[in-house]
PDBML (XML) file of the C-alpha atoms, coordinates in Angstrom:
<?xml version="1.0" encoding="UTF-8" ?>
<PDBx:datablock datablockName="MODEL"
   xmlns:PDBx="http://pdbml.pdb.org/schema/pdbx-v50.xsd"
   xmlns:xsi="http://www.w3.org/2001/XMLSchema-instance"
   xsi:schemaLocation="http://pdbml.pdb.org/schema/pdbx-v50.xsd pdbx-v50.xsd">
   <PDBx:atom_siteCategory>
      <PDBx:atom_site id="1">
         <PDBx:B_iso_or_equiv>0.00</PDBx:B_iso_or_equiv>
         <PDBx:Cartn_x>13.993</PDBx:Cartn_x>
         <PDBx:Cartn_y>-7.360</PDBx:Cartn_y>
         <PDBx:Cartn_z>19.054</PDBx:Cartn_z>
         <PDBx:auth_asym_id>A</PDBx:auth_asym_id>
         <PDBx:auth_atom_id>CA</PDBx:auth_atom_id>
         <PDBx:auth_comp_id>LEU</PDBx:auth_comp_id>
         <PDBx:auth_seq_id>1</PDBx:auth_seq_id>
         <PDBx:group_PDB>ATOM</PDBx:group_PDB>
         <PDBx:label_alt_id xsi:nil="true" />
         <PDBx:label_asym_id>A</PDBx:label_asym_id>
         <PDBx:label_atom_id>CA</PDBx:label_atom_id>
         <PDBx:label_comp_id>LEU</PDBx:label_comp_id>
         <PDBx:label_entity_id>1</PDBx:label_entity_id>
         <PDBx:label_seq_id>1</PDBx:label_seq_id>
         <PDBx:occupancy>1.00</PDBx:occupancy>
         <PDBx:pdbx_PDB_model_num>1</PDBx:pdbx_PDB_model_num>
         <PDBx:type_symbol>C</PDBx:type_symbol>
      </PDBx:atom_site>
      <PDBx:atom_site id="2">
         <PDBx:B_iso_or_equiv>0.00</PDBx:B_iso_or_equiv>
         <PDBx:Cartn_x>14.989</PDBx:Cartn_x>
         <PDBx:Cartn_y>-3.819</PDBx:Cartn_y>
         <PDBx:Cartn_z>18.123</PDBx:Cartn_z>
         <PDBx:auth_asym_id>A</PDBx:auth_asym_id>
         <PDBx:auth_atom_id>CA</PDBx:auth_atom_id>
         <PDBx:auth_comp_id>ASN</PDBx:auth_comp_id>
         <PDBx:auth_seq_id>2</PDBx:auth_seq_id>
         <PDBx:group_PDB>ATOM</PDBx:group_PDB>
         <PDBx:label_alt_id xsi:nil="true" />
         <PDBx:label_asym_id>A</PDBx:label_asym_id>
         <PDBx:label_atom_id>CA</PDBx:label_atom_id>
         <PDBx:label_comp_id>ASN</PDBx:label_comp_id>
         <PDBx:label_entity_id>1</PDBx:label_entity_id>
         <PDBx:label_seq_id>2</PDBx:label_seq_id>
         <PDBx:occupancy>1.00</PDBx:occupancy>
         <PDBx:pdbx_PDB_model_num>1</PDBx:pdbx_PDB_model_num>
         <PDBx:type_symbol>C</PDBx:type_symbol>
      </PDBx:atom_site>
      <PDBx:atom_site id="3">
         <PDBx:B_iso_or_equiv>0.00</PDBx:B_iso_or_equiv>
         <PDBx:Cartn_x>18.461</PDBx:Cartn_x>
         <PDBx:Cartn_y>-2.773</PDBx:Cartn_y>
         <PDBx:Cartn_z>16.847</PDBx:Cartn_z>
         <PDBx:auth_asym_id>A</PDBx:auth_asym_id>
         <PDBx:auth_atom_id>CA</PDBx:auth_atom_id>
         <PDBx:auth_comp_id>GLU</PDBx:auth_comp_id>
         <PDBx:auth_seq_id>3</PDBx:auth_seq_id>
         <PDBx:group_PDB>ATOM</PDBx:group_PDB>
         <PDBx:label_alt_id xsi:nil="true" />
         <PDBx:label_asym_id>A</PDBx:label_asym_id>
         <PDBx:label_atom_id>CA</PDBx:label_atom_id>
         <PDBx:label_comp_id>GLU</PDBx:label_comp_id>
         <PDBx:label_entity_id>1</PDBx:label_entity_id>
         <PDBx:label_seq_id>3</PDBx:label_seq_id>
         <PDBx:occupancy>1.00</PDBx:occupancy>
         <PDBx:pdbx_PDB_model_num>1</PDBx:pdbx_PDB_model_num>
         <PDBx:type_symbol>C</PDBx:type_symbol>
      </PDBx:atom_site>
      <PDBx:atom_site id="4">
         <PDBx:B_iso_or_equiv>0.00</PDBx:B_iso_or_equiv>
         <PDBx:Cartn_x>19.814</PDBx:Cartn_x>
         <PDBx:Cartn_y>-2.771</PDBx:Cartn_y>
         <PDBx:Cartn_z>20.437</PDBx:Cartn_z>
         <PDBx:auth_asym_id>A</PDBx:auth_asym_id>
         <PDBx:auth_atom_id>CA</PDBx:auth_atom_id>
         <PDBx:auth_comp_id>GLN</PDBx:auth_comp_id>
         <PDBx:auth_seq_id>4</PDBx:auth_seq_id>
         <PDBx:group_PDB>ATOM</PDBx:group_PDB>
         <PDBx:label_alt_id xsi:nil="true" />
         <PDBx:label_asym_id>A</PDBx:label_asym_id>
         <PDBx:label_atom_id>CA</PDBx:label_atom_id>
         <PDBx:label_comp_id>GLN</PDBx:label_comp_id>
         <PDBx:label_entity_id>1</PDBx:label_entity_id>
         <PDBx:label_seq_id>4</PDBx:label_seq_id>
         <PDBx:occupancy>1.00</PDBx:occupancy>
         <PDBx:pdbx_PDB_model_num>1</PDBx:pdbx_PDB_model_num>
         <PDBx:type_symbol>C</PDBx:type_symbol>
      </PDBx:atom_site>
      <PDBx:atom_site id="5">
         <PDBx:B_iso_or_equiv>0.00</PDBx:B_iso_or_equiv>
         <PDBx:Cartn_x>18.933</PDBx:Cartn_x>
         <PDBx:Cartn_y>-6.467</PDBx:Cartn_y>
         <PDBx:Cartn_z>20.731</PDBx:Cartn_z>
         <PDBx:auth_asym_id>A</PDBx:auth_asym_id>
         <PDBx:auth_atom_id>CA</PDBx:auth_atom_id>
         <PDBx:auth_comp_id>GLY</PDBx:auth_comp_id>
         <PDBx:auth_seq_id>5</PDBx:auth_seq_id>
         <PDBx:group_PDB>ATOM</PDBx:group_PDB>
         <PDBx:label_alt_id xsi:nil="true" />
         <PDBx:label_asym_id>A</PDBx:label_asym_id>
         <PDBx:label_atom_id>CA</PDBx:label_atom_id>
         <PDBx:label_comp_id>GLY</PDBx:label_comp_id>
         <PDBx:label_entity_id>1</PDBx:label_entity_id>
         <PDBx:label_seq_id>5</PDBx:label_seq_id>
         <PDBx:occupancy>1.00</PDBx:occupancy>
         <PDBx:pdbx_PDB_model_num>1</PDBx:pdbx_PDB_model_num>
         <PDBx:type_symbol>C</PDBx:type_symbol>
      </PDBx:atom_site>
      <PDBx:atom_site id="6">
         <PDBx:B_iso_or_equiv>0.00</PDBx:B_iso_or_equiv>
         <PDBx:Cartn_x>16.231</PDBx:Cartn_x>
         <PDBx:Cartn_y>-5.576</PDBx:Cartn_y>
         <PDBx:Cartn_z>23.259</PDBx:Cartn_z>
         <PDBx:auth_asym_id>A</PDBx:auth_asym_id>
         <PDBx:auth_atom_id>CA</PDBx:auth_atom_id>
         <PDBx:auth_comp_id>GLU</PDBx:auth_comp_id>
         <PDBx:auth_seq_id>6</PDBx:auth_seq_id>
         <PDBx:group_PDB>ATOM</PDBx:group_PDB>
         <PDBx:label_alt_id xsi:nil="true" />
         <PDBx:label_asym_id>A</PDBx:label_asym_id>
         <PDBx:label_atom_id>CA</PDBx:label_atom_id>
         <PDBx:label_comp_id>GLU</PDBx:label_comp_id>
         <PDBx:label_entity_id>1</PDBx:label_entity_id>
         <PDBx:label_seq_id>6</PDBx:label_seq_id>
         <PDBx:occupancy>1.00</PDBx:occupancy>
         <PDBx:pdbx_PDB_model_num>1</PDBx:pdbx_PDB_model_num>
         <PDBx:type_symbol>C</PDBx:type_symbol>
      </PDBx:atom_site>
      <PDBx:atom_site id="7">
         <PDBx:B_iso_or_equiv>0.00</PDBx:B_iso_or_equiv>
         <PDBx:Cartn_x>12.529</PDBx:Cartn_x>
         <PDBx:Cartn_y>-6.453</PDBx:Cartn_y>
         <PDBx:Cartn_z>23.186</PDBx:Cartn_z>
         <PDBx:auth_asym_id>A</PDBx:auth_asym_id>
         <PDBx:auth_atom_id>CA</PDBx:auth_atom_id>
         <PDBx:auth_comp_id>PHE</PDBx:auth_comp_id>
         <PDBx:auth_seq_id>7</PDBx:auth_seq_id>
         <PDBx:group_PDB>ATOM</PDBx:group_PDB>
         <PDBx:label_alt_id xsi:nil="true" />
         <PDBx:label_asym_id>A</PDBx:label_asym_id>
         <PDBx:label_atom_id>CA</PDBx:label_atom_id>
         <PDBx:label_comp_id>PHE</PDBx:label_comp_id>
         <PDBx:label_entity_id>1</PDBx:label_entity_id>
         <PDBx:label_seq_id>7</PDBx:label_seq_id>
         <PDBx:occupancy>1.00</PDBx:occupancy>
         <PDBx:pdbx_PDB_model_num>1</PDBx:pdbx_PDB_model_num>
         <PDBx:type_symbol>C</PDBx:type_symbol>
      </PDBx:atom_site>
      <PDBx:atom_site id="8">
         <PDBx:B_iso_or_equiv>0.00</PDBx:B_iso_or_equiv>
         <PDBx:Cartn_x>10.465</PDBx:Cartn_x>
         <PDBx:Cartn_y>-3.918</PDBx:Cartn_y>
         <PDBx:Cartn_z>21.316</PDBx:Cartn_z>
         <PDBx:auth_asym_id>A</PDBx:auth_asym_id>
         <PDBx:auth_atom_id>CA</PDBx:auth_atom_id>
         <PDBx:auth_comp_id>ILE</PDBx:auth_comp_id>
         <PDBx:auth_seq_id>8</PDBx:auth_seq_id>
         <PDBx:group_PDB>ATOM</PDBx:group_PDB>
         <PDBx:label_alt_id xsi:nil="true" />
         <PDBx:label_asym_id>A</PDBx:label_asym_id>
         <PDBx:label_atom_id>CA</PDBx:label_atom_id>
         <PDBx:label_comp_id>ILE</PDBx:label_comp_id>
         <PDBx:label_entity_id>1</PDBx:label_entity_id>
         <PDBx:label_seq_id>8</PDBx:label_seq_id>
         <PDBx:occupancy>1.00</PDBx:occupancy>
         <PDBx:pdbx_PDB_model_num>1</PDBx:pdbx_PDB_model_num>
         <PDBx:type_symbol>C</PDBx:type_symbol>
      </PDBx:atom_site>
      <PDBx:atom_site id="9">
         <PDBx:B_iso_or_equiv>0.00</PDBx:B_iso_or_equiv>
         <PDBx:Cartn_x>8.327</PDBx:Cartn_x>
         <PDBx:Cartn_y>-1.582</PDBx:Cartn_y>
         <PDBx:Cartn_z>23.430</PDBx:Cartn_z>
         <PDBx:auth_asym_id>A</PDBx:auth_asym_id>
         <PDBx:auth_atom_id>CA</PDBx:auth_atom_id>
         <PDBx:auth_comp_id>THR</PDBx:auth_comp_id>
         <PDBx:auth_seq_id>9</PDBx:auth_seq_id>
         <PDBx:group_PDB>ATOM</PDBx:group_PDB>
         <PDBx:label_alt_id xsi:nil="true" />
         <PDBx:label_asym_id>A</PDBx:label_asym_id>
         <PDBx:label_atom_id>CA</PDBx:label_atom_id>
         <PDBx:label_comp_id>THR</PDBx:label_comp_id>
         <PDBx:label_entity_id>1</PDBx:label_entity_id>
         <PDBx:label_seq_id>9</PDBx:label_seq_id>
         <PDBx:occupancy>1.00</PDBx:occupancy>
         <PDBx:pdbx_PDB_model_num>1</PDBx:pdbx_PDB_model_num>
         <PDBx:type_symbol>C</PDBx:type_symbol>
      </PDBx:atom_site>
      <PDBx:atom_site id="10">
         <PDBx:B_iso_or_equiv>0.00</PDBx:B_iso_or_equiv>
         <PDBx:Cartn_x>4.621</PDBx:Cartn_x>
         <PDBx:Cartn_y>-2.043</PDBx:Cartn_y>
         <PDBx:Cartn_z>24.110</PDBx:Cartn_z>
         <PDBx:auth_asym_id>A</PDBx:auth_asym_id>
         <PDBx:auth_atom_id>CA</PDBx:auth_atom_id>
         <PDBx:auth_comp_id>GLY</PDBx:auth_comp_id>
         <PDBx:auth_seq_id>10</PDBx:auth_seq_id>
         <PDBx:group_PDB>ATOM</PDBx:group_PDB>
         <PDBx:label_alt_id xsi:nil="true" />
         <PDBx:label_asym_id>A</PDBx:label_asym_id>
         <PDBx:label_atom_id>CA</PDBx:label_atom_id>
         <PDBx:label_comp_id>GLY</PDBx:label_comp_id>
         <PDBx:label_entity_id>1</PDBx:label_entity_id>
         <PDBx:label_seq_id>10</PDBx:label_seq_id>
         <PDBx:occupancy>1.00</PDBx:occupancy>
         <PDBx:pdbx_PDB_model_num>1</PDBx:pdbx_PDB_model_num>
         <PDBx:type_symbol>C</PDBx:type_symbol>
      </PDBx:atom_site>
      <PDBx:atom_site id="11">
         <PDBx:B_iso_or_equiv>0.00</PDBx:B_iso_or_equiv>
         <PDBx:Cartn_x>3.849</PDBx:Cartn_x>
         <PDBx:Cartn_y>0.880</PDBx:Cartn_y>
         <PDBx:Cartn_z>21.806</PDBx:Cartn_z>
         <PDBx:auth_asym_id>A</PDBx:auth_asym_id>
         <PDBx:auth_atom_id>CA</PDBx:auth_atom_id>
         <PDBx:auth_comp_id>GLU</PDBx:auth_comp_id>
         <PDBx:auth_seq_id>11</PDBx:auth_seq_id>
         <PDBx:group_PDB>ATOM</PDBx:group_PDB>
         <PDBx:label_alt_id xsi:nil="true" />
         <PDBx:label_asym_id>A</PDBx:label_asym_id>
         <PDBx:label_atom_id>CA</PDBx:label_atom_id>
         <PDBx:label_comp_id>GLU</PDBx:label_comp_id>
         <PDBx:label_entity_id>1</PDBx:label_entity_id>
         <PDBx:label_seq_id>11</PDBx:label_seq_id>
         <PDBx:occupancy>1.00</PDBx:occupancy>
         <PDBx:pdbx_PDB_model_num>1</PDBx:pdbx_PDB_model_num>
         <PDBx:type_symbol>C</PDBx:type_symbol>
      </PDBx:atom_site>
      <PDBx:atom_site id="12">
         <PDBx:B_iso_or_equiv>0.00</PDBx:B_iso_or_equiv>
         <PDBx:Cartn_x>5.917</PDBx:Cartn_x>
         <PDBx:Cartn_y>-0.702</PDBx:Cartn_y>
         <PDBx:Cartn_z>19.015</PDBx:Cartn_z>
         <PDBx:auth_asym_id>A</PDBx:auth_asym_id>
         <PDBx:auth_atom_id>CA</PDBx:auth_atom_id>
         <PDBx:auth_comp_id>ASN</PDBx:auth_comp_id>
         <PDBx:auth_seq_id>12</PDBx:auth_seq_id>
         <PDBx:group_PDB>ATOM</PDBx:group_PDB>
         <PDBx:label_alt_id xsi:nil="true" />
         <PDBx:label_asym_id>A</PDBx:label_asym_id>
         <PDBx:label_atom_id>CA</PDBx:label_atom_id>
         <PDBx:label_comp_id>ASN</PDBx:label_comp_id>
         <PDBx:label_entity_id>1</PDBx:label_entity_id>
         <PDBx:label_seq_id>12</PDBx:label_seq_id>
         <PDBx:occupancy>1.00</PDBx:occupancy>
         <PDBx:pdbx_PDB_model_num>1</PDBx:pdbx_PDB_model_num>
         <PDBx:type_symbol>C</PDBx:type_symbol>
      </PDBx:atom_site>
      <PDBx:atom_site id="13">
         <PDBx:B_iso_or_equiv>0.00</PDBx:B_iso_or_equiv>
         <PDBx:Cartn_x>4.233</PDBx:Cartn_x>
         <PDBx:Cartn_y>-4.042</PDBx:Cartn_y>
         <PDBx:Cartn_z>19.592</PDBx:Cartn_z>
         <PDBx:auth_asym_id>A</PDBx:auth_asym_id>
         <PDBx:auth_atom_id>CA</PDBx:auth_atom_id>
         <PDBx:auth_comp_id>GLY</PDBx:auth_comp_id>
         <PDBx:auth_seq_id>13</PDBx:auth_seq_id>
         <PDBx:group_PDB>ATOM</PDBx:group_PDB>
         <PDBx:label_alt_id xsi:nil="true" />
         <PDBx:label_asym_id>A</PDBx:label_asym_id>
         <PDBx:label_atom_id>CA</PDBx:label_atom_id>
         <PDBx:label_comp_id>GLY</PDBx:label_comp_id>
         <PDBx:label_entity_id>1</PDBx:label_entity_id>
         <PDBx:label_seq_id>13</PDBx:label_seq_id>
         <PDBx:occupancy>1.00</PDBx:occupancy>
         <PDBx:pdbx_PDB_model_num>1</PDBx:pdbx_PDB_model_num>
         <PDBx:type_symbol>C</PDBx:type_symbol>
      </PDBx:atom_site>
      <PDBx:atom_site id="14">
         <PDBx:B_iso_or_equiv>0.00</PDBx:B_iso_or_equiv>
         <PDBx:Cartn_x>0.802</PDBx:Cartn_x>
         <PDBx:Cartn_y>-2.477</PDBx:Cartn_y>
         <PDBx:Cartn_z>19.236</PDBx:Cartn_z>
         <PDBx:auth_asym_id>A</PDBx:auth_asym_id>
         <PDBx:auth_atom_id>CA</PDBx:auth_atom_id>
         <PDBx:auth_comp_id>THR</PDBx:auth_comp_id>
         <PDBx:auth_seq_id>14</PDBx:auth_seq_id>
         <PDBx:group_PDB>ATOM</PDBx:group_PDB>
         <PDBx:label_alt_id xsi:nil="true" />
         <PDBx:label_asym_id>A</PDBx:label_asym_id>
         <PDBx:label_atom_id>CA</PDBx:label_atom_id>
         <PDBx:label_comp_id>THR</PDBx:label_comp_id>
         <PDBx:label_entity_id>1</PDBx:label_entity_id>
         <PDBx:label_seq_id>14</PDBx:label_seq_id>
         <PDBx:occupancy>1.00</PDBx:occupancy>
         <PDBx:pdbx_PDB_model_num>1</PDBx:pdbx_PDB_model_num>
         <PDBx:type_symbol>C</PDBx:type_symbol>
      </PDBx:atom_site>
      <PDBx:atom_site id="15">
         <PDBx:B_iso_or_equiv>0.00</PDBx:B_iso_or_equiv>
         <PDBx:Cartn_x>1.839</PDBx:Cartn_x>
         <PDBx:Cartn_y>-1.008</PDBx:Cartn_y>
         <PDBx:Cartn_z>15.851</PDBx:Cartn_z>
         <PDBx:auth_asym_id>A</PDBx:auth_asym_id>
         <PDBx:auth_atom_id>CA</PDBx:auth_atom_id>
         <PDBx:auth_comp_id>GLU</PDBx:auth_comp_id>
         <PDBx:auth_seq_id>15</PDBx:auth_seq_id>
         <PDBx:group_PDB>ATOM</PDBx:group_PDB>
         <PDBx:label_alt_id xsi:nil="true" />
         <PDBx:label_asym_id>A</PDBx:label_asym_id>
         <PDBx:label_atom_id>CA</PDBx:label_atom_id>
         <PDBx:label_comp_id>GLU</PDBx:label_comp_id>
         <PDBx:label_entity_id>1</PDBx:label_entity_id>
         <PDBx:label_seq_id>15</PDBx:label_seq_id>
         <PDBx:occupancy>1.00</PDBx:occupancy>
         <PDBx:pdbx_PDB_model_num>1</PDBx:pdbx_PDB_model_num>
         <PDBx:type_symbol>C</PDBx:type_symbol>
      </PDBx:atom_site>
      <PDBx:atom_site id="16">
         <PDBx:B_iso_or_equiv>0.00</PDBx:B_iso_or_equiv>
         <PDBx:Cartn_x>3.095</PDBx:Cartn_x>
         <PDBx:Cartn_y>-4.420</PDBx:Cartn_y>
         <PDBx:Cartn_z>14.672</PDBx:Cartn_z>
         <PDBx:auth_asym_id>A</PDBx:auth_asym_id>
         <PDBx:auth_atom_id>CA</PDBx:auth_atom_id>
         <PDBx:auth_comp_id>VAL</PDBx:auth_comp_id>
         <PDBx:auth_seq_id>16</PDBx:auth_seq_id>
         <PDBx:group_PDB>ATOM</PDBx:group_PDB>
         <PDBx:label_alt_id xsi:nil="true" />
         <PDBx:label_asym_id>A</PDBx:label_asym_id>
         <PDBx:label_atom_id>CA</PDBx:label_atom_id>
         <PDBx:label_comp_id>VAL</PDBx:label_comp_id>
         <PDBx:label_entity_id>1</PDBx:label_entity_id>
         <PDBx:label_seq_id>16</PDBx:label_seq_id>
         <PDBx:occupancy>1.00</PDBx:occupancy>
         <PDBx:pdbx_PDB_model_num>1</PDBx:pdbx_PDB_model_num>
         <PDBx:type_symbol>C</PDBx:type_symbol>
      </PDBx:atom_site>
      <PDBx:atom_site id="17">
         <PDBx:B_iso_or_equiv>0.00</PDBx:B_iso_or_equiv>
         <PDBx:Cartn_x>-0.192</PDBx:Cartn_x>
         <PDBx:Cartn_y>-6.076</PDBx:Cartn_y>
         <PDBx:Cartn_z>15.705</PDBx:Cartn_z>
         <PDBx:auth_asym_id>A</PDBx:auth_asym_id>
         <PDBx:auth_atom_id>CA</PDBx:auth_atom_id>
         <PDBx:auth_comp_id>LEU</PDBx:auth_comp_id>
         <PDBx:auth_seq_id>17</PDBx:auth_seq_id>
         <PDBx:group_PDB>ATOM</PDBx:group_PDB>
         <PDBx:label_alt_id xsi:nil="true" />
         <PDBx:label_asym_id>A</PDBx:label_asym_id>
         <PDBx:label_atom_id>CA</PDBx:label_atom_id>
         <PDBx:label_comp_id>LEU</PDBx:label_comp_id>
         <PDBx:label_entity_id>1</PDBx:label_entity_id>
         <PDBx:label_seq_id>17</PDBx:label_seq_id>
         <PDBx:occupancy>1.00</PDBx:occupancy>
         <PDBx:pdbx_PDB_model_num>1</PDBx:pdbx_PDB_model_num>
         <PDBx:type_symbol>C</PDBx:type_symbol>
      </PDBx:atom_site>
      <PDBx:atom_site id="18">
         <PDBx:B_iso_or_equiv>0.00</PDBx:B_iso_or_equiv>
         <PDBx:Cartn_x>-2.168</PDBx:Cartn_x>
         <PDBx:Cartn_y>-3.424</PDBx:Cartn_y>
         <PDBx:Cartn_z>13.807</PDBx:Cartn_z>
         <PDBx:auth_asym_id>A</PDBx:auth_asym_id>
         <PDBx:auth_atom_id>CA</PDBx:auth_atom_id>
         <PDBx:auth_comp_id>ALA</PDBx:auth_comp_id>
         <PDBx:auth_seq_id>18</PDBx:auth_seq_id>
         <PDBx:group_PDB>ATOM</PDBx:group_PDB>
         <PDBx:label_alt_id xsi:nil="true" />
         <PDBx:label_asym_id>A</PDBx:label_asym_id>
         <PDBx:label_atom_id>CA</PDBx:label_atom_id>
         <PDBx:label_comp_id>ALA</PDBx:label_comp_id>
         <PDBx:label_entity_id>1</PDBx:label_entity_id>
         <PDBx:label_seq_id>18</PDBx:label_seq_id>
         <PDBx:occupancy>1.00</PDBx:occupancy>
         <PDBx:pdbx_PDB_model_num>1</PDBx:pdbx_PDB_model_num>
         <PDBx:type_symbol>C</PDBx:type_symbol>
      </PDBx:atom_site>
      <PDBx:atom_site id="19">
         <PDBx:B_iso_or_equiv>0.00</PDBx:B_iso_or_equiv>
         <PDBx:Cartn_x>-0.086</PDBx:Cartn_x>
         <PDBx:Cartn_y>-4.090</PDBx:Cartn_y>
         <PDBx:Cartn_z>10.663</PDBx:Cartn_z>
         <PDBx:auth_asym_id>A</PDBx:auth_asym_id>
         <PDBx:auth_atom_id>CA</PDBx:auth_atom_id>
         <PDBx:auth_comp_id>LEU</PDBx:auth_comp_id>
         <PDBx:auth_seq_id>19</PDBx:auth_seq_id>
         <PDBx:group_PDB>ATOM</PDBx:group_PDB>
         <PDBx:label_alt_id xsi:nil="true" />
         <PDBx:label_asym_id>A</PDBx:label_asym_id>
         <PDBx:label_atom_id>CA</PDBx:label_atom_id>
         <PDBx:label_comp_id>LEU</PDBx:label_comp_id>
         <PDBx:label_entity_id>1</PDBx:label_entity_id>
         <PDBx:label_seq_id>19</PDBx:label_seq_id>
         <PDBx:occupancy>1.00</PDBx:occupancy>
         <PDBx:pdbx_PDB_model_num>1</PDBx:pdbx_PDB_model_num>
         <PDBx:type_symbol>C</PDBx:type_symbol>
      </PDBx:atom_site>
      <PDBx:atom_site id="20">
         <PDBx:B_iso_or_equiv>0.00</PDBx:B_iso_or_equiv>
         <PDBx:Cartn_x>-0.685</PDBx:Cartn_x>
         <PDBx:Cartn_y>-7.822</PDBx:Cartn_y>
         <PDBx:Cartn_z>10.997</PDBx:Cartn_z>
         <PDBx:auth_asym_id>A</PDBx:auth_asym_id>
         <PDBx:auth_atom_id>CA</PDBx:auth_atom_id>
         <PDBx:auth_comp_id>ALA</PDBx:auth_comp_id>
         <PDBx:auth_seq_id>20</PDBx:auth_seq_id>
         <PDBx:group_PDB>ATOM</PDBx:group_PDB>
         <PDBx:label_alt_id xsi:nil="true" />
         <PDBx:label_asym_id>A</PDBx:label_asym_id>
         <PDBx:label_atom_id>CA</PDBx:label_atom_id>
         <PDBx:label_comp_id>ALA</PDBx:label_comp_id>
         <PDBx:label_entity_id>1</PDBx:label_entity_id>
         <PDBx:label_seq_id>20</PDBx:label_seq_id>
         <PDBx:occupancy>1.00</PDBx:occupancy>
         <PDBx:pdbx_PDB_model_num>1</PDBx:pdbx_PDB_model_num>
         <PDBx:type_symbol>C</PDBx:type_symbol>
      </PDBx:atom_site>
      <PDBx:atom_site id="21">
         <PDBx:B_iso_or_equiv>0.00</PDBx:B_iso_or_equiv>
         <PDBx:Cartn_x>-4.414</PDBx:Cartn_x>
         <PDBx:Cartn_y>-7.128</PDBx:Cartn_y>
         <PDBx:Cartn_z>11.239</PDBx:Cartn_z>
         <PDBx:auth_asym_id>A</PDBx:auth_asym_id>
         <PDBx:auth_atom_id>CA</PDBx:auth_atom_id>
         <PDBx:auth_comp_id>GLU</PDBx:auth_comp_id>
         <PDBx:auth_seq_id>21</PDBx:auth_seq_id>
         <PDBx:group_PDB>ATOM</PDBx:group_PDB>
         <PDBx:label_alt_id xsi:nil="true" />
         <PDBx:label_asym_id>A</PDBx:label_asym_id>
         <PDBx:label_atom_id>CA</PDBx:label_atom_id>
         <PDBx:label_comp_id>GLU</PDBx:label_comp_id>
         <PDBx:label_entity_id>1</PDBx:label_entity_id>
         <PDBx:label_seq_id>21</PDBx:label_seq_id>
         <PDBx:occupancy>1.00</PDBx:occupancy>
         <PDBx:pdbx_PDB_model_num>1</PDBx:pdbx_PDB_model_num>
         <PDBx:type_symbol>C</PDBx:type_symbol>
      </PDBx:atom_site>
      <PDBx:atom_site id="22">
         <PDBx:B_iso_or_equiv>0.00</PDBx:B_iso_or_equiv>
         <PDBx:Cartn_x>-4.443</PDBx:Cartn_x>
         <PDBx:Cartn_y>-4.872</PDBx:Cartn_y>
         <PDBx:Cartn_z>8.165</PDBx:Cartn_z>
         <PDBx:auth_asym_id>A</PDBx:auth_asym_id>
         <PDBx:auth_atom_id>CA</PDBx:auth_atom_id>
         <PDBx:auth_comp_id>SER</PDBx:auth_comp_id>
         <PDBx:auth_seq_id>22</PDBx:auth_seq_id>
         <PDBx:group_PDB>ATOM</PDBx:group_PDB>
         <PDBx:label_alt_id xsi:nil="true" />
         <PDBx:label_asym_id>A</PDBx:label_asym_id>
         <PDBx:label_atom_id>CA</PDBx:label_atom_id>
         <PDBx:label_comp_id>SER</PDBx:label_comp_id>
         <PDBx:label_entity_id>1</PDBx:label_entity_id>
         <PDBx:label_seq_id>22</PDBx:label_seq_id>
         <PDBx:occupancy>1.00</PDBx:occupancy>
         <PDBx:pdbx_PDB_model_num>1</PDBx:pdbx_PDB_model_num>
         <PDBx:type_symbol>C</PDBx:type_symbol>
      </PDBx:atom_site>
      <PDBx:atom_site id="23">
         <PDBx:B_iso_or_equiv>0.00</PDBx:B_iso_or_equiv>
         <PDBx:Cartn_x>-2.019</PDBx:Cartn_x>
         <PDBx:Cartn_y>-7.068</PDBx:Cartn_y>
         <PDBx:Cartn_z>6.166</PDBx:Cartn_z>
         <PDBx:auth_asym_id>A</PDBx:auth_asym_id>
         <PDBx:auth_atom_id>CA</PDBx:auth_atom_id>
         <PDBx:auth_comp_id>GLN</PDBx:auth_comp_id>
         <PDBx:auth_seq_id>23</PDBx:auth_seq_id>
         <PDBx:group_PDB>ATOM</PDBx:group_PDB>
         <PDBx:label_alt_id xsi:nil="true" />
         <PDBx:label_asym_id>A</PDBx:label_asym_id>
         <PDBx:label_atom_id>CA</PDBx:label_atom_id>
         <PDBx:label_comp_id>GLN</PDBx:label_comp_id>
         <PDBx:label_entity_id>1</PDBx:label_entity_id>
         <PDBx:label_seq_id>23</PDBx:label_seq_id>
         <PDBx:occupancy>1.00</PDBx:occupancy>
         <PDBx:pdbx_PDB_model_num>1</PDBx:pdbx_PDB_model_num>
         <PDBx:type_symbol>C</PDBx:type_symbol>
      </PDBx:atom_site>
      <PDBx:atom_site id="24">
         <PDBx:B_iso_or_equiv>0.00</PDBx:B_iso_or_equiv>
         <PDBx:Cartn_x>-0.714</PDBx:Cartn_x>
         <PDBx:Cartn_y>-3.899</PDBx:Cartn_y>
         <PDBx:Cartn_z>4.499</PDBx:Cartn_z>
         <PDBx:auth_asym_id>A</PDBx:auth_asym_id>
         <PDBx:auth_atom_id>CA</PDBx:auth_atom_id>
         <PDBx:auth_comp_id>ASP</PDBx:auth_comp_id>
         <PDBx:auth_seq_id>24</PDBx:auth_seq_id>
         <PDBx:group_PDB>ATOM</PDBx:group_PDB>
         <PDBx:label_alt_id xsi:nil="true" />
         <PDBx:label_asym_id>A</PDBx:label_asym_id>
         <PDBx:label_atom_id>CA</PDBx:label_atom_id>
         <PDBx:label_comp_id>ASP</PDBx:label_comp_id>
         <PDBx:label_entity_id>1</PDBx:label_entity_id>
         <PDBx:label_seq_id>24</PDBx:label_seq_id>
         <PDBx:occupancy>1.00</PDBx:occupancy>
         <PDBx:pdbx_PDB_model_num>1</PDBx:pdbx_PDB_model_num>
         <PDBx:type_symbol>C</PDBx:type_symbol>
      </PDBx:atom_site>
      <PDBx:atom_site id="25">
         <PDBx:B_iso_or_equiv>0.00</PDBx:B_iso_or_equiv>
         <PDBx:Cartn_x>2.453</PDBx:Cartn_x>
         <PDBx:Cartn_y>-5.577</PDBx:Cartn_y>
         <PDBx:Cartn_z>3.201</PDBx:Cartn_z>
         <PDBx:auth_asym_id>A</PDBx:auth_asym_id>
         <PDBx:auth_atom_id>CA</PDBx:auth_atom_id>
         <PDBx:auth_comp_id>PHE</PDBx:auth_comp_id>
         <PDBx:auth_seq_id>25</PDBx:auth_seq_id>
         <PDBx:group_PDB>ATOM</PDBx:group_PDB>
         <PDBx:label_alt_id xsi:nil="true" />
         <PDBx:label_asym_id>A</PDBx:label_asym_id>
         <PDBx:label_atom_id>CA</PDBx:label_atom_id>
         <PDBx:label_comp_id>PHE</PDBx:label_comp_id>
         <PDBx:label_entity_id>1</PDBx:label_entity_id>
         <PDBx:label_seq_id>25</PDBx:label_seq_id>
         <PDBx:occupancy>1.00</PDBx:occupancy>
         <PDBx:pdbx_PDB_model_num>1</PDBx:pdbx_PDB_model_num>
         <PDBx:type_symbol>C</PDBx:type_symbol>
      </PDBx:atom_site>
   </PDBx:atom_siteCategory>
</PDBx:datablock>
């Protein structure tokens, strides 16, 4: 969820998936 308590957008979700793939934490 984003700060409005709504599901993140498809575009946001793609960015999260890319981060998970890169493990750039």
